[in-house]
Amino acid sequence: MRAPARIRQPARGDVSPYSRREASLTFGTGTRPIQSRKTGPGTSGTGIAVRQPPAGPKTRGKLCSQMLRFVRDWWTAGEDGAVEVCRKPFALALLFVVGSIALFCSYRPSLRQPAMWPVYAWLVSRVVAEGRRALVATGTHLVYRPPFGKPVALRFDQVRRVEEAKAPLSFGFKIRVVKGIKLDLGTGTDVVLPLDIPGAWDMVRGRLKAASPPFS
């Protein structure tokens, strides 16, 4: 015949509603812990702890959609109300970089080590980011979108003087100089924009001629 259960009461000083208080029921040689009721995060309305279910397909799908929306907004930044967009092509450069990496790794096994993977990822991501560069014309603004960072927007009516210039661009650890345009805003500040994007020169010249004084 089993012995009657003996209940050990918690200490008197333990009065916090978030503290873990346990009372053990002793049945012969075995004990079974009983968790006392508590309130707070992760508990039900009755004070009993509830285990949260793992993230399901709906939660993962929501996270993926948010990530895709962030990438889309980053890629098309500055194109709100765009009338004309000139983007930098990058497909051939990306194909060349990926093919070069595959070729070198096939002939040099030492280049297949995991320590080289961050280098390859940086090269590929830098080429893809180069495709983000664009010149955007809206009804009132000329927008330049760099590979990284926020777009630079200039109002057409702010431009007082336009000149051809050379624009420095950085790609990796090198600086290269490309054809550009210098815009005088009349405030002592000149803005130089690169025009190495196909169709950018004709677009900028036509938009500025229609909205501001002619070229100097």
C-alpha atoms as a PDB file:
ATOM      1  CA  MET A   1       0.000   0.000   0.000  1.00  0.00           C
ATOM      2  CA  ARG A   2       1.368   3.433  -1.016  1.00  0.00           C
ATOM      3  CA  ALA A   3       2.337   5.957   1.573  1.00  0.00           C
ATOM      4  CA  PRO A   4       0.330   9.178   1.583  1.00  0.00           C
ATOM      5  CA  ALA A   5       1.773  12.032  -0.429  1.00  0.00           C
ATOM      6  CA  ARG A   6       3.881  14.565   1.393  1.00  0.00           C
ATOM      7  CA  ILE A   7       3.865  18.116  -0.007  1.00  0.00           C
ATOM      8  CA  ARG A   8       6.849  20.395   0.595  1.00  0.00           C
ATOM      9  CA  GLN A   9       5.685  24.026   0.652  1.00  0.00           C
ATOM     10  CA  PRO A  10       7.814  26.800  -0.948  1.00  0.00           C
ATOM     11  CA  ALA A  11       9.785  29.197   1.205  1.00  0.00           C
ATOM     12  CA  ARG A  12       7.916  32.167   2.664  1.00  0.00           C
ATOM     13  CA  GLY A  13      10.338  34.721   1.211  1.00  0.00           C
ATOM     14  CA  ASP A  14       9.604  33.605  -2.344  1.00  0.00           C
ATOM     15  CA  VAL A  15       6.780  35.998  -3.264  1.00  0.00           C
ATOM     16  CA  SER A  16       7.784  37.194  -6.782  1.00  0.00           C
ATOM     17  CA  PRO A  17       5.134  36.301  -9.414  1.00  0.00           C
ATOM     18  CA  TYR A  18       7.911  35.598 -11.932  1.00  0.00           C
ATOM     19  CA  SER A  19       9.957  33.312  -9.704  1.00  0.00           C
ATOM     20  CA  ARG A  20      10.000  29.560 -10.310  1.00  0.00           C
ATOM     21  CA  ARG A  21       8.429  27.751  -7.392  1.00  0.00           C
ATOM     22  CA  GLU A  22       8.156  24.038  -7.303  1.00  0.00           C
ATOM     23  CA  ALA A  23       6.562  21.617  -4.942  1.00  0.00           C
ATOM     24  CA  SER A  24       7.445  17.946  -5.144  1.00  0.00           C
ATOM     25  CA  LEU A  25       5.130  15.072  -4.506  1.00  0.00           C
ATOM     26  CA  THR A  26       6.891  12.064  -3.073  1.00  0.00           C
ATOM     27  CA  PHE A  27       5.467   8.629  -3.921  1.00  0.00           C
ATOM     28  CA  GLY A  28       7.644   5.931  -2.456  1.00  0.00           C
ATOM     29  CA  THR A  29      11.077   6.264  -4.055  1.00  0.00           C
ATOM     30  CA  GLY A  30      10.164   8.588  -6.965  1.00  0.00           C
ATOM     31  CA  THR A  31       9.483  12.301  -7.145  1.00  0.00           C
ATOM     32  CA  ARG A  32       7.573  14.303  -9.748  1.00  0.00           C
ATOM     33  CA  PRO A  33       8.126  18.092  -9.966  1.00  0.00           C
ATOM     34  CA  ILE A  34       5.082  20.305 -10.284  1.00  0.00           C
ATOM     35  CA  GLN A  35       5.659  23.798 -11.668  1.00  0.00           C
ATOM     36  CA  SER A  36       3.620  26.441  -9.907  1.00  0.00           C
ATOM     37  CA  ARG A  37       1.525  28.909 -11.790  1.00  0.00           C
ATOM     38  CA  LYS A  38       3.152  32.167 -12.891  1.00  0.00           C
ATOM     39  CA  THR A  39       2.379  35.150 -15.051  1.00  0.00           C
ATOM     40  CA  GLY A  40       4.435  36.988 -17.609  1.00  0.00           C
ATOM     41  CA  PRO A  41       5.683  36.492 -21.157  1.00  0.00           C
ATOM     42  CA  GLY A  42       5.201  33.006 -22.558  1.00  0.00           C
ATOM     43  CA  THR A  43       2.290  32.126 -20.273  1.00  0.00           C
ATOM     44  CA  SER A  44      -1.391  31.641 -20.895  1.00  0.00           C
ATOM     45  CA  GLY A  45      -4.163  33.660 -19.287  1.00  0.00           C
ATOM     46  CA  THR A  46      -4.390  31.115 -16.440  1.00  0.00           C
ATOM     47  CA  GLY A  47      -0.730  31.588 -15.554  1.00  0.00           C
ATOM     48  CA  ILE A  48       0.431  28.221 -16.947  1.00  0.00           C
ATOM     49  CA  ALA A  49       3.545  28.300 -19.125  1.00  0.00           C
ATOM     50  CA  VAL A  50       2.805  27.676 -22.800  1.00  0.00           C
ATOM     51  CA  ARG A  51       5.413  26.392 -25.245  1.00  0.00           C
ATOM     52  CA  GLN A  52       5.497  28.486 -28.409  1.00  0.00           C
ATOM     53  CA  PRO A  53       5.200  26.450 -31.639  1.00  0.00           C
ATOM     54  CA  PRO A  54       8.050  26.655 -34.168  1.00  0.00           C
ATOM     55  CA  ALA A  55       7.786  28.979 -37.134  1.00  0.00           C
ATOM     56  CA  GLY A  56       5.559  27.461 -39.785  1.00  0.00           C
ATOM     57  CA  PRO A  57       5.495  27.856 -43.566  1.00  0.00           C
ATOM     58  CA  LYS A  58       3.398  31.024 -43.322  1.00  0.00           C
ATOM     59  CA  THR A  59       5.932  32.730 -41.054  1.00  0.00           C
ATOM     60  CA  ARG A  60       8.846  31.759 -43.287  1.00  0.00           C
ATOM     61  CA  GLY A  61       6.937  32.926 -46.355  1.00  0.00           C
ATOM     62  CA  LYS A  62       6.274  36.296 -44.716  1.00  0.00           C
ATOM     63  CA  LEU A  63       9.959  36.740 -43.898  1.00  0.00           C
ATOM     64  CA  CYS A  64      10.934  35.876 -47.477  1.00  0.00           C
ATOM     65  CA  SER A  65       8.438  38.361 -48.903  1.00  0.00           C
ATOM     66  CA  GLN A  66       9.742  41.106 -46.608  1.00  0.00           C
ATOM     67  CA  MET A  67      13.319  40.386 -47.665  1.00  0.00           C
ATOM     68  CA  LEU A  68      12.399  40.431 -51.351  1.00  0.00           C
ATOM     69  CA  ARG A  69      10.550  43.719 -50.873  1.00  0.00           C
ATOM     70  CA  PHE A  70      13.612  45.232 -49.186  1.00  0.00           C
ATOM     71  CA  VAL A  71      15.903  44.139 -52.036  1.00  0.00           C
ATOM     72  CA  ARG A  72      13.464  45.490 -54.633  1.00  0.00           C
ATOM     73  CA  ASP A  73      13.185  48.866 -52.879  1.00  0.00           C
ATOM     74  CA  TRP A  74      16.983  49.067 -52.571  1.00  0.00           C
ATOM     75  CA  TRP A  75      17.486  48.154 -56.239  1.00  0.00           C
ATOM     76  CA  THR A  76      14.915  50.655 -57.576  1.00  0.00           C
ATOM     77  CA  ALA A  77      15.567  53.512 -55.129  1.00  0.00           C
ATOM     78  CA  GLY A  78      15.015  56.939 -56.675  1.00  0.00           C
ATOM     79  CA  GLU A  79      12.735  55.731 -59.476  1.00  0.00           C
ATOM     80  CA  ASP A  80       9.511  57.103 -58.005  1.00  0.00           C
ATOM     81  CA  GLY A  81       7.851  59.146 -60.734  1.00  0.00           C
ATOM     82  CA  ALA A  82      10.615  58.297 -63.213  1.00  0.00           C
ATOM     83  CA  VAL A  83      10.173  59.434 -66.805  1.00  0.00           C
ATOM     84  CA  GLU A  84      13.399  57.881 -68.124  1.00  0.00           C
ATOM     85  CA  VAL A  85      15.911  55.501 -66.522  1.00  0.00           C
ATOM     86  CA  CYS A  86      19.415  54.625 -67.764  1.00  0.00           C
ATOM     87  CA  ARG A  87      20.948  51.650 -65.951  1.00  0.00           C
ATOM     88  CA  LYS A  88      24.460  50.294 -65.950  1.00  0.00           C
ATOM     89  CA  PRO A  89      24.540  46.833 -67.637  1.00  0.00           C
ATOM     90  CA  PHE A  90      26.275  44.149 -65.608  1.00  0.00           C
ATOM     91  CA  ALA A  91      25.288  40.771 -67.081  1.00  0.00           C
ATOM     92  CA  LEU A  92      28.466  40.324 -69.156  1.00  0.00           C
ATOM     93  CA  ALA A  93      30.703  41.438 -66.282  1.00  0.00           C
ATOM     94  CA  LEU A  94      28.957  39.030 -63.914  1.00  0.00           C
ATOM     95  CA  LEU A  95      29.329  36.172 -66.411  1.00  0.00           C
ATOM     96  CA  PHE A  96      33.021  36.976 -66.823  1.00  0.00           C
ATOM     97  CA  VAL A  97      33.677  37.034 -63.052  1.00  0.00           C
ATOM     98  CA  VAL A  98      31.772  33.819 -62.355  1.00  0.00           C
ATOM     99  CA  GLY A  99      33.446  32.052 -65.302  1.00  0.00           C
ATOM    100  CA  SER A 100      36.903  33.218 -64.187  1.00  0.00           C
ATOM    101  CA  ILE A 101      36.316  31.950 -60.650  1.00  0.00           C
ATOM    102  CA  ALA A 102      35.136  28.568 -61.940  1.00  0.00           C
ATOM    103  CA  LEU A 103      38.103  28.320 -64.310  1.00  0.00           C
ATOM    104  CA  PHE A 104      40.718  29.172 -61.698  1.00  0.00           C
ATOM    105  CA  CYS A 105      39.164  26.786 -59.154  1.00  0.00           C
ATOM    106  CA  SER A 106      39.200  23.940 -61.677  1.00  0.00           C
ATOM    107  CA  TYR A 107      42.955  24.324 -62.323  1.00  0.00           C
ATOM    108  CA  ARG A 108      44.059  25.338 -58.826  1.00  0.00           C
ATOM    109  CA  PRO A 109      42.590  23.129 -56.080  1.00  0.00           C
ATOM    110  CA  SER A 110      44.019  25.471 -53.447  1.00  0.00           C
ATOM    111  CA  LEU A 111      41.517  28.112 -54.573  1.00  0.00           C
ATOM    112  CA  ARG A 112      38.611  25.865 -53.590  1.00  0.00           C
ATOM    113  CA  GLN A 113      39.276  26.218 -49.878  1.00  0.00           C
ATOM    114  CA  PRO A 114      36.483  27.722 -47.749  1.00  0.00           C
ATOM    115  CA  ALA A 115      38.794  30.598 -46.822  1.00  0.00           C
ATOM    116  CA  MET A 116      38.482  31.886 -50.411  1.00  0.00           C
ATOM    117  CA  TRP A 117      34.673  31.856 -50.474  1.00  0.00           C
ATOM    118  CA  PRO A 118      34.271  35.338 -48.878  1.00  0.00           C
ATOM    119  CA  VAL A 119      36.538  36.762 -51.603  1.00  0.00           C
ATOM    120  CA  TYR A 120      34.417  35.227 -54.355  1.00  0.00           C
ATOM    121  CA  ALA A 121      31.215  36.398 -52.680  1.00  0.00           C
ATOM    122  CA  TRP A 122      32.586  39.948 -52.454  1.00  0.00           C
ATOM    123  CA  LEU A 123      33.590  39.980 -56.123  1.00  0.00           C
ATOM    124  CA  VAL A 124      30.195  38.730 -57.298  1.00  0.00           C
ATOM    125  CA  SER A 125      28.252  41.092 -55.025  1.00  0.00           C
ATOM    126  CA  ARG A 126      30.359  44.058 -56.170  1.00  0.00           C
ATOM    127  CA  VAL A 127      29.613  43.323 -59.825  1.00  0.00           C
ATOM    128  CA  VAL A 128      25.898  42.976 -59.058  1.00  0.00           C
ATOM    129  CA  ALA A 129      25.924  46.256 -57.102  1.00  0.00           C
ATOM    130  CA  GLU A 130      27.506  47.952 -60.112  1.00  0.00           C
ATOM    131  CA  GLY A 131      24.318  47.122 -61.988  1.00  0.00           C
ATOM    132  CA  ARG A 132      22.410  49.250 -59.472  1.00  0.00           C
ATOM    133  CA  ARG A 133      24.070  52.415 -60.783  1.00  0.00           C
ATOM    134  CA  ALA A 134      21.645  54.488 -62.806  1.00  0.00           C
ATOM    135  CA  LEU A 135      20.670  57.966 -63.880  1.00  0.00           C
ATOM    136  CA  VAL A 136      16.981  58.688 -63.461  1.00  0.00           C
ATOM    137  CA  ALA A 137      15.035  61.620 -64.856  1.00  0.00           C
ATOM    138  CA  THR A 138      11.706  62.621 -63.341  1.00  0.00           C
ATOM    139  CA  GLY A 139       9.518  65.562 -64.178  1.00  0.00           C
ATOM    140  CA  THR A 140      11.465  67.857 -61.836  1.00  0.00           C
ATOM    141  CA  HIS A 141      14.644  66.043 -60.734  1.00  0.00           C
ATOM    142  CA  LEU A 142      17.764  64.401 -62.056  1.00  0.00           C
ATOM    143  CA  VAL A 143      18.664  61.461 -59.820  1.00  0.00           C
ATOM    144  CA  TYR A 144      21.953  59.572 -59.671  1.00  0.00           C
ATOM    145  CA  ARG A 145      21.850  56.201 -57.900  1.00  0.00           C
ATOM    146  CA  PRO A 146      25.278  54.908 -56.790  1.00  0.00           C
ATOM    147  CA  PRO A 147      26.140  51.233 -56.258  1.00  0.00           C
ATOM    148  CA  PHE A 148      25.678  51.692 -52.510  1.00  0.00           C
ATOM    149  CA  GLY A 149      24.025  54.381 -50.477  1.00  0.00           C
ATOM    150  CA  LYS A 150      21.125  56.717 -51.076  1.00  0.00           C
ATOM    151  CA  PRO A 151      20.376  58.310 -54.463  1.00  0.00           C
ATOM    152  CA  VAL A 152      21.400  61.932 -55.092  1.00  0.00           C
ATOM    153  CA  ALA A 153      18.561  64.091 -56.421  1.00  0.00           C
ATOM    154  CA  LEU A 154      19.022  67.500 -58.066  1.00  0.00           C
ATOM    155  CA  ARG A 155      16.251  69.801 -59.194  1.00  0.00           C
ATOM    156  CA  PHE A 156      16.487  70.884 -62.814  1.00  0.00           C
ATOM    157  CA  ASP A 157      15.736  74.510 -61.916  1.00  0.00           C
ATOM    158  CA  GLN A 158      18.736  74.552 -59.554  1.00  0.00           C
ATOM    159  CA  VAL A 159      21.233  73.971 -62.371  1.00  0.00           C
ATOM    160  CA  ARG A 160      22.862  77.201 -63.566  1.00  0.00           C
ATOM    161  CA  ARG A 161      25.750  75.910 -65.633  1.00  0.00           C
ATOM    162  CA  VAL A 162      26.611  72.577 -67.281  1.00  0.00           C
ATOM    163  CA  GLU A 163      30.083  71.471 -68.348  1.00  0.00           C
ATOM    164  CA  GLU A 164      31.706  68.251 -69.468  1.00  0.00           C
ATOM    165  CA  ALA A 165      34.078  66.825 -66.874  1.00  0.00           C
ATOM    166  CA  LYS A 166      35.869  63.707 -65.679  1.00  0.00           C
ATOM    167  CA  ALA A 167      34.261  61.703 -62.891  1.00  0.00           C
ATOM    168  CA  PRO A 168      36.282  59.392 -60.620  1.00  0.00           C
ATOM    169  CA  LEU A 169      34.749  56.016 -59.820  1.00  0.00           C
ATOM    170  CA  SER A 170      35.946  53.361 -57.413  1.00  0.00           C
ATOM    171  CA  PHE A 171      35.695  49.664 -58.206  1.00  0.00           C
ATOM    172  CA  GLY A 172      37.200  47.484 -55.529  1.00  0.00           C
ATOM    173  CA  PHE A 173      40.583  48.927 -54.628  1.00  0.00           C
ATOM    174  CA  LYS A 174      41.065  50.878 -57.867  1.00  0.00           C
ATOM    175  CA  ILE A 175      40.014  54.352 -58.966  1.00  0.00           C
ATOM    176  CA  ARG A 176      39.102  54.857 -62.604  1.00  0.00           C
ATOM    177  CA  VAL A 177      38.180  58.071 -64.375  1.00  0.00           C
ATOM    178  CA  VAL A 178      35.211  58.104 -66.747  1.00  0.00           C
ATOM    179  CA  LYS A 179      33.351  60.686 -68.776  1.00  0.00           C
ATOM    180  CA  GLY A 180      31.106  62.841 -66.644  1.00  0.00           C
ATOM    181  CA  ILE A 181      29.190  66.069 -66.333  1.00  0.00           C
ATOM    182  CA  LYS A 182      29.652  68.936 -63.872  1.00  0.00           C
ATOM    183  CA  LEU A 183      26.554  70.761 -62.693  1.00  0.00           C
ATOM    184  CA  ASP A 184      26.898  74.221 -61.177  1.00  0.00           C
ATOM    185  CA  LEU A 185      24.052  74.828 -58.736  1.00  0.00           C
ATOM    186  CA  GLY A 186      24.799  78.529 -58.314  1.00  0.00           C
ATOM    187  CA  THR A 187      25.641  78.162 -54.621  1.00  0.00           C
ATOM    188  CA  GLY A 188      29.362  77.576 -54.986  1.00  0.00           C
ATOM    189  CA  THR A 189      28.830  73.829 -55.031  1.00  0.00           C
ATOM    190  CA  ASP A 190      29.545  71.721 -58.114  1.00  0.00           C
ATOM    191  CA  VAL A 191      28.181  68.208 -58.533  1.00  0.00           C
ATOM    192  CA  VAL A 192      30.003  65.808 -60.861  1.00  0.00           C
ATOM    193  CA  LEU A 193      28.039  62.831 -62.164  1.00  0.00           C
ATOM    194  CA  PRO A 194      29.488  59.924 -64.177  1.00  0.00           C
ATOM    195  CA  LEU A 195      28.101  59.368 -67.660  1.00  0.00           C
ATOM    196  CA  ASP A 196      29.576  55.947 -68.440  1.00  0.00           C
ATOM    197  CA  ILE A 197      26.046  54.505 -68.498  1.00  0.00           C
ATOM    198  CA  PRO A 198      24.686  53.863 -72.015  1.00  0.00           C
ATOM    199  CA  GLY A 199      22.284  56.589 -73.077  1.00  0.00           C
ATOM    200  CA  ALA A 200      22.945  58.748 -70.018  1.00  0.00           C
ATOM    201  CA  TRP A 201      24.617  61.614 -71.890  1.00  0.00           C
ATOM    202  CA  ASP A 202      21.758  62.086 -74.352  1.00  0.00           C
ATOM    203  CA  MET A 203      19.162  61.799 -71.594  1.00  0.00           C
ATOM    204  CA  VAL A 204      20.831  64.338 -69.305  1.00  0.00           C
ATOM    205  CA  ARG A 205      21.534  66.808 -72.103  1.00  0.00           C
ATOM    206  CA  GLY A 206      17.967  66.658 -73.415  1.00  0.00           C
ATOM    207  CA  ARG A 207      16.349  66.991 -69.990  1.00  0.00           C
ATOM    208  CA  LEU A 208      18.567  69.861 -68.890  1.00  0.00           C
ATOM    209  CA  LYS A 209      18.118  71.773 -72.140  1.00  0.00           C
ATOM    210  CA  ALA A 210      14.357  71.534 -71.779  1.00  0.00           C
ATOM    211  CA  ALA A 211      14.300  72.606 -68.120  1.00  0.00           C
ATOM    212  CA  SER A 212      17.251  75.004 -67.676  1.00  0.00           C
ATOM    213  CA  PRO A 213      19.572  77.373 -69.619  1.00  0.00           C
ATOM    214  CA  PRO A 214      21.535  75.812 -72.488  1.00  0.00           C
ATOM    215  CA  PHE A 215      24.992  74.314 -72.153  1.00  0.00           C
ATOM    216  CA  SER A 216      27.887  76.683 -71.622  1.00  0.00           C
END
